[in-house]
Amino acid sequence: MKTKILVANRGEIAIRIIRAIQELNYEAVAIYETPDRDSMHIRVADEAVWIGDGPRCDYLNIEKVINAAQKSGAKAIHPGYGFLAENAGFARACEKAGIIFIGPPSDVIDNLGNKVMARKIMADAGIPMVPGTQNLKAGDEGLQEAVEFGKQYGYPLMLKATAGGGGRGIRKIDKESQLKEQYIIARTEAKAAFGDDSVYLEKAVVNPKHIEVQIVADQKGNTIHLGTRDCSIQRRNQKLIEIAPAFQLSKEQQEEVSRTAVQAAKAAQYLNAGTVEFLFDNGKFYFMEINTRLQVEHTVSEMITGIDIVRTQIKLALGKDLLIEQKDIHLRGHAVEMRINAEDPKNNFMPEGGKTVRVYRSPGGYGVRLDGFCYQGFSIPQVYDSLLVKLTVFGWSWNETVDRLRRSLNNFVISGPKTTIPFYLNLIKDPDFKAGHFDTSFLDTHPHLLDYEEETSEVNKLARLIAEIHSKGGNAYAA
């Protein structure tokens, strides 16, 4: 019998992992909740296991996921990203059940998931960090600690949930009165969101670049990096656009931050694939965190290195050694990933769940990659993330990459829900974007990017009309 691997996720990332599993000549097992019964990820898998009505709760139910793996005879589980991907308890449950967890060991996830513990590991290894506190004590004593830290380092500060992640559990504090007001609220929200009310403070780095480094490590401790990514263009602390490499850094800065990332991974005794994240300000790097999972934006690193990160993850988890050394990694060209979300950018990026995709026409050609699960007739669930498809574009030069982005976005037609496509078309025309001048304040300082037309070309309008006629036998827009 072939080795089976269960994918503990949904949507585009489940499809991405399933493809890698099947390429390795293994069998892919999908899981799904009732709202996902028509999802493409269960169609492309070799086997699918229903785990409950959901929504979301069954994807997060460790016992049900483990039972699905055992029922199907899966030898290993790939968690993807989101859901249980950075849950040390899930990794531990896999270890206890004798199932291979495709990711780092549970104790590594524990240590790095606790942001205060992660800071201590990095401090002991001499990794540069933004000044910060340990976990603040509960009640008035912790609040007093916070006030004293503010007096020592000044404002603004970042109040963070110790167990937070994915841009959640973070709030900027501009003055002492706000700190006193937000402290108790932050603890309450952290408890509700993460099951842990621990919080800590960091000195805020105002409008930095968000730089990350993809690392890969085998069970013998061999650790390499796959270059940098710039993930500065964000909304609500969540990334919209990812670029590899972070080309506005000098060659020396690229090499410095990449070496530091490998040093950080080794200090944490990291195994498998992960991402070391930094803030870059005034020529200096500051460690932020290590994400103990596959990242949404792994595609751009794959495009500039030729390394299949998911395939590598699977092989490393099954006990294989890295077959490449750092000297074998050669970065080439530029890659940009844009998250095509079913959202209305003009309405504070409000999700468009519940709508049906009436027309779906995707771009293609040299240097264009699509990772998605959307299709014509697809009804967008209201209960999951709004991501429909990731558009990743490669070019040998930055100008070529931006030109290819423009062409791809112009050729991308999704009718039914509003999407981020017209917003991106407006963004890539901006002189600052073309010059690579962006940081985490980019959307705040460029509000004009939200001033765009929904219909961007006559070709797209015609495509929508023809698709409407073919699908329904008539034109719904006719007078």
Protein backbone atom coordinates (compact mmCIF):
# COMPACT_ATOMS: atom_id res chain seq x y z
CA MET A 1 0.00 0.00 0.00
CA LYS A 2 1.10 3.54 -0.70
CA THR A 3 1.99 5.85 2.18
CA LYS A 4 -0.94 8.10 3.04
CA ILE A 5 -0.61 11.67 4.28
CA LEU A 6 -3.57 13.58 5.71
CA VAL A 7 -3.90 17.29 4.99
CA ALA A 8 -5.38 19.03 8.05
CA ASN A 9 -6.55 22.11 6.17
CA ARG A 10 -8.82 23.37 3.41
CA GLY A 11 -8.90 25.55 0.32
CA GLU A 12 -5.91 26.54 -1.77
CA ILE A 13 -3.25 25.44 0.69
CA ALA A 14 -4.79 21.98 0.97
CA ILE A 15 -4.65 21.67 -2.83
CA ARG A 16 -1.03 22.88 -2.85
CA ILE A 17 -0.04 20.21 -0.31
CA ILE A 18 -2.07 17.49 -2.03
CA ARG A 19 -0.17 18.12 -5.28
CA ALA A 20 3.19 17.70 -3.52
CA ILE A 21 2.02 14.49 -1.83
CA GLN A 22 0.86 13.00 -5.11
CA GLU A 23 4.07 14.01 -6.90
CA LEU A 24 5.98 11.99 -4.30
CA ASN A 25 3.75 9.02 -5.23
CA TYR A 26 1.94 9.04 -1.90
CA GLU A 27 -1.83 9.21 -1.36
CA ALA A 28 -3.42 12.41 -0.10
CA VAL A 29 -6.27 12.32 2.41
CA ALA A 30 -8.43 15.42 2.72
CA ILE A 31 -10.73 16.36 5.58
CA TYR A 32 -13.76 18.62 5.35
CA GLU A 33 -16.62 20.18 7.26
CA THR A 34 -20.14 20.35 5.82
CA PRO A 35 -19.80 23.92 4.39
CA ASP A 36 -16.82 22.63 2.38
CA ARG A 37 -18.62 19.63 0.87
CA ASP A 38 -18.27 21.14 -2.63
CA SER A 39 -14.74 22.46 -2.11
CA MET A 40 -12.16 21.61 -4.75
CA HIS A 41 -9.64 20.30 -2.22
CA ILE A 42 -11.74 17.21 -1.54
CA ARG A 43 -12.14 16.57 -5.27
CA VAL A 44 -8.41 16.48 -6.01
CA ALA A 45 -7.49 14.32 -2.99
CA ASP A 46 -7.27 10.52 -3.24
CA GLU A 47 -9.60 10.18 -0.27
CA ALA A 48 -11.75 12.51 1.83
CA VAL A 49 -13.01 12.20 5.40
CA TRP A 50 -15.96 14.22 6.70
CA ILE A 51 -15.22 15.45 10.23
CA GLY A 52 -18.36 17.37 11.19
CA ASP A 53 -20.82 20.14 10.45
CA GLY A 54 -18.45 22.90 11.56
CA PRO A 55 -17.96 25.65 10.70
CA ARG A 56 -14.28 25.95 11.69
CA CYS A 57 -14.71 24.10 15.00
CA ASP A 58 -14.10 20.65 13.51
CA TYR A 59 -11.00 21.76 11.61
CA LEU A 60 -9.77 22.88 15.04
CA ASN A 61 -10.80 19.67 16.84
CA ILE A 62 -7.56 17.78 17.48
CA GLU A 63 -9.31 14.53 18.43
CA LYS A 64 -11.40 14.50 15.24
CA VAL A 65 -8.39 15.20 13.02
CA ILE A 66 -6.33 12.47 14.69
CA ASN A 67 -9.27 10.06 14.39
CA ALA A 68 -9.57 10.88 10.68
CA ALA A 69 -5.89 10.11 10.20
CA GLN A 70 -6.19 6.82 12.04
CA LYS A 71 -9.38 5.87 10.21
CA SER A 72 -7.75 6.48 6.83
CA GLY A 73 -4.45 4.84 7.78
CA ALA A 74 -2.43 8.02 7.25
CA LYS A 75 1.19 7.84 8.35
CA ALA A 76 1.67 11.60 8.59
CA ILE A 77 -0.27 14.87 8.84
CA HIS A 78 0.54 18.17 7.13
CA PRO A 79 -1.19 21.07 8.93
CA GLY A 80 -0.74 23.74 6.22
CA TYR A 81 -1.16 27.20 7.73
CA GLY A 82 -3.81 28.59 10.04
CA PHE A 83 -6.11 26.28 12.02
CA LEU A 84 -3.87 23.84 13.97
CA ALA A 85 -0.60 24.58 12.14
CA GLU A 86 1.13 26.29 15.10
CA ASN A 87 -0.68 24.39 17.84
CA ALA A 88 1.87 22.56 19.99
CA GLY A 89 -0.93 20.46 21.46
CA PHE A 90 -1.78 19.16 18.01
CA ALA A 91 1.84 18.30 17.23
CA ARG A 92 2.05 16.57 20.61
CA ALA A 93 -1.15 14.61 19.92
CA CYS A 94 0.33 13.43 16.61
CA GLU A 95 3.52 12.34 18.36
CA LYS A 96 1.51 10.49 21.00
CA ALA A 97 -0.59 8.73 18.36
CA GLY A 98 2.50 7.64 16.42
CA ILE A 99 1.63 9.91 13.48
CA ILE A 100 4.37 12.03 11.87
CA PHE A 101 3.70 15.75 12.21
CA ILE A 102 5.07 17.56 9.17
CA GLY A 103 6.62 20.50 10.96
CA PRO A 104 8.87 21.14 13.95
CA PRO A 105 8.58 19.13 17.21
CA SER A 106 5.95 20.14 19.74
CA ASP A 107 8.48 21.55 22.23
CA VAL A 108 9.92 23.86 19.56
CA ILE A 109 6.41 25.09 18.69
CA ASP A 110 5.77 25.61 22.41
CA ASN A 111 8.92 27.67 22.90
CA LEU A 112 8.51 29.81 19.79
CA GLY A 113 4.74 30.20 20.16
CA ASN A 114 5.37 31.86 23.51
CA LYS A 115 6.70 35.19 22.32
CA VAL A 116 8.39 35.96 25.64
CA MET A 117 10.18 32.59 25.67
CA ALA A 118 11.19 33.13 22.04
CA ARG A 119 12.68 36.51 22.93
CA LYS A 120 14.70 34.89 25.73
CA ILE A 121 16.08 32.22 23.36
CA MET A 122 17.08 34.88 20.87
CA ALA A 123 18.59 37.14 23.54
CA ASP A 124 20.73 34.26 24.79
CA ALA A 125 21.90 33.68 21.20
CA GLY A 126 22.79 37.35 20.71
CA ILE A 127 20.05 38.02 18.13
CA PRO A 128 19.20 41.77 17.97
CA MET A 129 15.73 42.59 19.32
CA VAL A 130 13.49 45.54 20.03
CA PRO A 131 13.43 46.36 23.79
CA GLY A 132 10.59 44.49 25.50
CA THR A 133 9.28 43.09 28.77
CA GLN A 134 8.75 39.60 30.08
CA ASN A 135 5.15 38.50 30.60
CA LEU A 136 3.47 41.24 32.60
CA LYS A 137 2.07 40.17 35.94
CA ALA A 138 -1.68 40.00 36.43
CA GLY A 139 -3.66 42.86 37.93
CA ASP A 140 -2.34 46.20 39.15
CA GLU A 141 1.20 44.88 39.59
CA GLY A 142 1.47 44.09 35.87
CA LEU A 143 -0.05 47.42 34.93
CA GLN A 144 2.56 49.19 37.05
CA GLU A 145 5.32 47.22 35.29
CA ALA A 146 3.88 48.38 31.98
CA VAL A 147 3.74 52.02 33.08
CA GLU A 148 7.38 51.89 34.23
CA PHE A 149 8.46 50.38 30.89
CA GLY A 150 6.68 53.23 29.10
CA LYS A 151 8.47 55.81 31.22
CA GLN A 152 11.83 54.19 30.52
CA TYR A 153 11.54 53.70 26.73
CA GLY A 154 8.88 56.23 25.75
CA TYR A 155 5.89 55.89 23.47
CA PRO A 156 4.59 54.49 21.19
CA LEU A 157 4.61 50.91 22.50
CA MET A 158 3.17 47.67 21.17
CA LEU A 159 1.00 45.69 23.60
CA LYS A 160 1.00 42.07 22.44
CA ALA A 161 -0.64 38.80 23.40
CA THR A 162 2.09 36.32 24.29
CA ALA A 163 0.29 33.52 22.44
CA GLY A 164 -0.76 35.71 19.50
CA GLY A 165 0.04 35.24 15.86
CA GLY A 166 -1.05 36.06 12.32
CA GLY A 167 -1.28 39.75 13.12
CA ARG A 168 -3.81 39.16 15.91
CA GLY A 169 -3.48 40.21 19.54
CA ILE A 170 -1.51 43.39 18.77
CA ARG A 171 -2.38 46.97 19.63
CA LYS A 172 -0.39 50.17 19.38
CA ILE A 173 -0.24 52.32 22.53
CA ASP A 174 0.53 56.02 22.08
CA LYS A 175 0.33 57.33 25.65
CA GLU A 176 0.13 56.24 29.30
CA SER A 177 -3.61 56.88 29.67
CA GLN A 178 -4.27 54.59 26.67
CA LEU A 179 -2.01 51.92 28.18
CA LYS A 180 -4.02 51.96 31.40
CA GLU A 181 -7.26 51.76 29.42
CA GLN A 182 -6.18 48.98 27.05
CA TYR A 183 -4.24 46.77 29.45
CA ILE A 184 -7.21 44.93 30.99
CA ILE A 185 -9.06 44.79 27.65
CA ALA A 186 -6.02 43.26 25.96
CA ARG A 187 -5.73 40.53 28.60
CA THR A 188 -9.42 39.69 28.29
CA GLU A 189 -9.25 39.53 24.49
CA ALA A 190 -6.07 37.44 24.58
CA LYS A 191 -7.79 34.93 26.86
CA ALA A 192 -10.80 34.72 24.54
CA ALA A 193 -8.73 34.41 21.35
CA PHE A 194 -5.81 32.24 22.46
CA GLY A 195 -6.83 30.69 25.79
CA ASP A 196 -4.00 32.58 27.51
CA ASP A 197 -4.31 36.08 28.94
CA SER A 198 -0.57 36.73 29.08
CA VAL A 199 0.59 39.97 27.46
CA TYR A 200 3.89 41.82 27.11
CA LEU A 201 5.18 45.15 25.81
CA GLU A 202 7.67 46.09 23.13
CA LYS A 203 8.99 49.46 22.12
CA ALA A 204 7.22 50.29 18.85
CA VAL A 205 9.33 50.58 15.74
CA VAL A 206 7.39 53.17 13.74
CA ASN A 207 6.77 52.38 10.06
CA PRO A 208 9.48 49.72 9.60
CA LYS A 209 9.89 47.30 6.75
CA HIS A 210 8.62 43.80 7.53
CA ILE A 211 11.35 41.44 6.35
CA GLU A 212 11.35 37.67 6.67
CA VAL A 213 13.70 34.83 5.80
CA GLN A 214 12.64 31.34 4.74
CA ILE A 215 14.70 28.66 6.47
CA VAL A 216 14.81 24.86 6.14
CA ALA A 217 16.47 22.45 8.58
CA ASP A 218 16.88 18.68 8.67
CA GLN A 219 17.05 16.32 11.64
CA LYS A 220 20.86 16.43 11.65
CA GLY A 221 20.85 20.18 12.26
CA ASN A 222 21.78 21.20 8.71
CA THR A 223 20.09 24.58 8.26
CA ILE A 224 19.92 26.76 5.16
CA HIS A 225 18.01 29.86 4.10
CA LEU A 226 16.10 30.49 0.86
CA GLY A 227 16.52 34.26 0.81
CA THR A 228 14.44 37.17 2.01
CA ARG A 229 10.88 38.39 1.50
CA ASP A 230 9.39 41.85 1.96
CA CYS A 231 5.90 41.64 3.46
CA SER A 232 5.49 45.30 4.40
CA ILE A 233 2.27 46.04 2.48
CA GLN A 234 -0.40 45.01 4.96
CA ARG A 235 -3.88 45.82 6.18
CA ARG A 236 -4.77 45.37 9.84
CA ASN A 237 -1.35 43.76 10.49
CA GLN A 238 -2.09 41.07 7.89
CA LYS A 239 -0.14 40.80 4.66
CA LEU A 240 -1.60 41.56 1.24
CA ILE A 241 1.47 41.50 -0.99
CA GLU A 242 4.74 39.58 -0.62
CA ILE A 243 7.91 40.18 -2.59
CA ALA A 244 11.09 38.11 -2.91
CA PRO A 245 13.80 39.03 -2.49
CA ALA A 246 13.48 42.18 -0.37
CA PHE A 247 15.28 44.01 -3.16
CA GLN A 248 15.52 47.46 -1.52
CA LEU A 249 18.04 45.97 0.92
CA SER A 250 21.69 46.06 -0.08
CA LYS A 251 23.52 42.83 -0.82
CA GLU A 252 25.31 43.15 2.52
CA GLN A 253 22.00 43.64 4.38
CA GLN A 254 20.47 40.65 2.59
CA GLU A 255 23.38 38.49 3.65
CA GLU A 256 23.36 39.81 7.22
CA VAL A 257 19.68 39.18 7.89
CA SER A 258 19.83 35.74 6.23
CA ARG A 259 22.81 34.69 8.37
CA THR A 260 21.00 35.99 11.45
CA ALA A 261 17.90 33.96 10.56
CA VAL A 262 19.93 30.75 10.30
CA GLN A 263 21.58 31.57 13.64
CA ALA A 264 18.13 32.13 15.20
CA ALA A 265 16.79 28.84 13.81
CA LYS A 266 19.74 26.90 15.18
CA ALA A 267 19.37 28.57 18.58
CA ALA A 268 15.76 27.37 18.68
CA GLN A 269 16.81 23.85 17.56
CA TYR A 270 14.46 24.25 14.64
CA LEU A 271 13.51 21.39 12.31
CA ASN A 272 11.64 21.39 8.98
CA ALA A 273 10.57 24.62 7.20
CA GLY A 274 9.91 27.88 9.02
CA THR A 275 10.15 31.64 8.72
CA VAL A 276 12.20 34.05 10.80
CA GLU A 277 10.61 37.51 10.81
CA PHE A 278 12.33 40.84 11.39
CA LEU A 279 11.56 44.54 11.52
CA PHE A 280 14.00 46.68 9.53
CA ASP A 281 14.42 50.31 10.53
CA ASN A 282 17.19 52.82 9.82
CA GLY A 283 19.55 50.13 8.59
CA LYS A 284 19.05 47.84 11.61
CA PHE A 285 17.25 44.49 11.93
CA TYR A 286 15.24 43.48 14.99
CA PHE A 287 14.00 39.94 15.58
CA MET A 288 10.21 39.70 15.73
CA GLU A 289 9.26 36.00 15.75
CA ILE A 290 9.70 32.61 14.14
CA ASN A 291 6.63 31.22 12.41
CA THR A 292 6.68 27.47 12.96
CA ARG A 293 4.77 26.56 9.80
CA LEU A 294 4.49 26.98 6.09
CA GLN A 295 3.73 30.60 5.18
CA VAL A 296 1.07 31.80 2.76
CA GLU A 297 3.83 33.56 0.85
CA HIS A 298 6.13 30.55 0.45
CA THR A 299 5.41 30.69 -3.30
CA VAL A 300 7.67 33.70 -3.92
CA SER A 301 10.64 31.94 -2.31
CA GLU A 302 9.98 28.90 -4.48
CA MET A 303 9.90 31.06 -7.61
CA ILE A 304 13.29 32.69 -7.01
CA THR A 305 15.09 29.54 -5.79
CA GLY A 306 13.43 26.66 -7.68
CA ILE A 307 13.04 24.80 -4.37
CA ASP A 308 9.68 23.09 -3.69
CA ILE A 309 9.26 23.92 0.00
CA VAL A 310 6.26 21.66 0.63
CA ARG A 311 7.89 18.66 -1.04
CA THR A 312 10.99 19.37 1.06
CA GLN A 313 8.89 19.56 4.23
CA ILE A 314 7.40 16.14 3.59
CA LYS A 315 10.73 14.48 2.84
CA LEU A 316 12.39 16.01 5.92
CA ALA A 317 9.54 14.88 8.18
CA LEU A 318 9.85 11.34 6.81
CA GLY A 319 13.49 11.30 7.91
CA LYS A 320 15.33 12.37 4.75
CA ASP A 321 18.35 14.67 4.93
CA LEU A 322 18.72 17.94 3.07
CA LEU A 323 20.30 17.17 -0.28
CA ILE A 324 21.34 20.77 -0.85
CA GLU A 325 23.75 23.09 0.92
CA GLN A 326 23.72 26.86 1.20
CA LYS A 327 26.17 27.13 -1.69
CA ASP A 328 23.62 25.41 -3.92
CA ILE A 329 20.99 28.13 -3.38
CA HIS A 330 21.10 30.81 -6.08
CA LEU A 331 18.51 33.57 -5.97
CA ARG A 332 17.28 34.71 -9.39
CA GLY A 333 14.99 37.50 -10.49
CA HIS A 334 12.00 38.81 -8.56
CA ALA A 335 8.66 37.33 -7.52
CA VAL A 336 5.51 38.96 -6.18
CA GLU A 337 2.51 37.26 -4.61
CA MET A 338 -0.85 39.02 -4.44
CA ARG A 339 -3.68 37.57 -2.40
CA ILE A 340 -6.85 37.71 -4.46
CA ASN A 341 -9.44 37.96 -1.71
CA ALA A 342 -13.23 38.13 -1.96
CA GLU A 343 -13.25 41.49 -0.21
CA ASP A 344 -14.39 45.04 -0.86
CA PRO A 345 -11.29 47.23 -0.36
CA LYS A 346 -13.43 50.38 -0.49
CA ASN A 347 -15.48 49.09 2.44
CA ASN A 348 -12.57 48.48 4.83
CA PHE A 349 -11.78 45.20 3.03
CA MET A 350 -15.10 43.71 4.14
CA PRO A 351 -15.41 39.99 3.16
CA GLU A 352 -17.84 39.09 0.37
CA GLY A 353 -18.87 35.67 1.70
CA GLY A 354 -22.19 34.25 0.55
CA LYS A 355 -21.80 35.42 -3.07
CA THR A 356 -21.41 33.19 -6.11
CA VAL A 357 -18.59 33.45 -8.65
CA ARG A 358 -20.50 33.98 -11.91
CA VAL A 359 -17.42 34.33 -14.11
CA TYR A 360 -13.91 33.06 -13.49
CA ARG A 361 -11.20 33.62 -16.10
CA SER A 362 -7.63 33.36 -14.90
CA PRO A 363 -4.41 34.69 -16.47
CA GLY A 364 -1.50 32.52 -17.56
CA GLY A 365 1.71 32.54 -19.56
CA TYR A 366 5.38 32.67 -18.72
CA GLY A 367 6.19 33.47 -15.09
CA VAL A 368 2.58 33.29 -13.83
CA ARG A 369 1.55 30.89 -11.05
CA LEU A 370 -1.90 30.45 -9.52
CA ASP A 371 -2.66 28.70 -6.24
CA GLY A 372 -6.39 28.65 -5.67
CA PHE A 373 -9.61 26.71 -5.36
CA CYS A 374 -12.08 29.09 -6.99
CA TYR A 375 -14.10 28.24 -10.10
CA GLN A 376 -17.12 29.48 -12.04
CA GLY A 377 -20.23 28.69 -10.03
CA PHE A 378 -18.36 28.50 -6.73
CA SER A 379 -20.35 29.79 -3.75
CA ILE A 380 -18.05 31.60 -1.35
CA PRO A 381 -18.56 30.34 2.23
CA GLN A 382 -19.28 33.03 4.78
CA VAL A 383 -17.53 31.15 7.57
CA TYR A 384 -13.94 30.88 6.33
CA ASP A 385 -11.09 33.12 5.19
CA SER A 386 -11.80 35.32 2.16
CA LEU A 387 -8.77 34.17 0.13
CA LEU A 388 -9.79 32.81 -3.30
CA VAL A 389 -6.50 32.46 -5.16
CA LYS A 390 -2.89 33.56 -4.87
CA LEU A 391 -1.37 35.15 -7.95
CA THR A 392 2.42 34.81 -8.01
CA VAL A 393 4.39 36.41 -10.83
CA PHE A 394 8.09 36.03 -11.66
CA GLY A 395 10.33 38.32 -13.71
CA TRP A 396 14.07 38.61 -14.24
CA SER A 397 14.00 42.31 -13.40
CA TRP A 398 11.70 44.30 -11.11
CA ASN A 399 10.28 46.25 -14.05
CA GLU A 400 9.54 43.03 -15.93
CA THR A 401 7.81 41.63 -12.85
CA VAL A 402 5.59 44.70 -12.45
CA ASP A 403 4.75 44.65 -16.18
CA ARG A 404 3.73 40.99 -15.89
CA LEU A 405 1.67 41.76 -12.79
CA ARG A 406 -0.22 44.46 -14.67
CA ARG A 407 -0.92 42.16 -17.60
CA SER A 408 -2.00 39.30 -15.32
CA LEU A 409 -4.32 41.45 -13.23
CA ASN A 410 -5.86 42.98 -16.34
CA ASN A 411 -6.53 39.47 -17.68
CA PHE A 412 -7.98 38.20 -14.38
CA VAL A 413 -11.79 38.21 -14.39
CA ILE A 414 -13.80 37.27 -11.30
CA SER A 415 -17.43 38.36 -11.47
CA GLY A 416 -19.92 38.07 -8.63
CA PRO A 417 -18.06 39.06 -5.49
CA LYS A 418 -15.96 42.17 -5.24
CA THR A 419 -12.27 41.33 -5.06
CA THR A 420 -8.93 42.97 -4.42
CA ILE A 421 -8.00 42.84 -8.15
CA PRO A 422 -8.93 46.44 -9.10
CA PHE A 423 -7.24 47.70 -5.92
CA TYR A 424 -4.03 45.91 -6.91
CA LEU A 425 -4.21 47.31 -10.43
CA ASN A 426 -4.31 50.77 -8.93
CA LEU A 427 -1.51 49.98 -6.48
CA ILE A 428 1.02 48.76 -9.04
CA LYS A 429 0.70 52.06 -10.93
CA ASP A 430 1.84 54.00 -7.87
CA PRO A 431 5.32 55.54 -8.25
CA ASP A 432 6.34 54.49 -4.72
CA PHE A 433 5.43 50.87 -5.41
CA LYS A 434 7.28 50.91 -8.73
CA ALA A 435 10.34 52.28 -6.93
CA GLY A 436 10.07 49.74 -4.11
CA HIS A 437 9.52 52.45 -1.51
CA PHE A 438 7.07 50.89 0.93
CA ASP A 439 6.85 50.04 4.60
CA THR A 440 4.12 48.90 6.99
CA SER A 441 2.40 52.31 6.76
CA PHE A 442 2.03 52.13 2.97
CA LEU A 443 -1.76 51.80 2.81
CA ASP A 444 -2.27 54.47 5.48
CA THR A 445 -0.07 56.94 3.62
CA HIS A 446 -1.54 56.14 0.19
CA PRO A 447 -5.32 56.45 0.67
CA HIS A 448 -5.73 57.37 -3.01
CA LEU A 449 -5.14 53.70 -3.86
CA LEU A 450 -8.77 53.08 -2.91
CA ASP A 451 -9.93 55.46 -5.62
CA TYR A 452 -10.39 53.12 -8.57
CA GLU A 453 -12.95 51.94 -11.11
CA GLU A 454 -14.50 48.50 -10.60
CA GLU A 455 -14.44 47.69 -14.34
CA THR A 456 -10.87 48.09 -15.54
CA SER A 457 -10.99 47.15 -19.22
CA GLU A 458 -13.36 46.70 -22.15
CA VAL A 459 -11.94 43.19 -22.68
CA ASN A 460 -12.99 42.16 -19.18
CA LYS A 461 -16.47 43.61 -19.65
CA LEU A 462 -16.84 41.60 -22.84
CA ALA A 463 -15.58 38.44 -21.12
CA ARG A 464 -18.18 38.87 -18.39
CA LEU A 465 -20.93 39.34 -20.99
CA ILE A 466 -19.93 36.26 -23.02
CA ALA A 467 -19.60 34.10 -19.89
CA GLU A 468 -23.01 35.26 -18.70
CA ILE A 469 -24.60 34.32 -22.01
CA HIS A 470 -22.93 30.90 -22.05
CA SER A 471 -23.79 30.06 -18.45
CA LYS A 472 -27.37 31.29 -18.35
CA GLY A 473 -28.40 31.44 -21.97
CA GLY A 474 -28.96 35.16 -21.79
CA ASN A 475 -27.57 38.46 -20.59
CA ALA A 476 -28.68 39.38 -17.09
CA TYR A 477 -27.54 42.95 -17.70
CA ALA A 478 -29.67 43.49 -20.83
CA ALA A 479 -32.26 46.22 -20.63
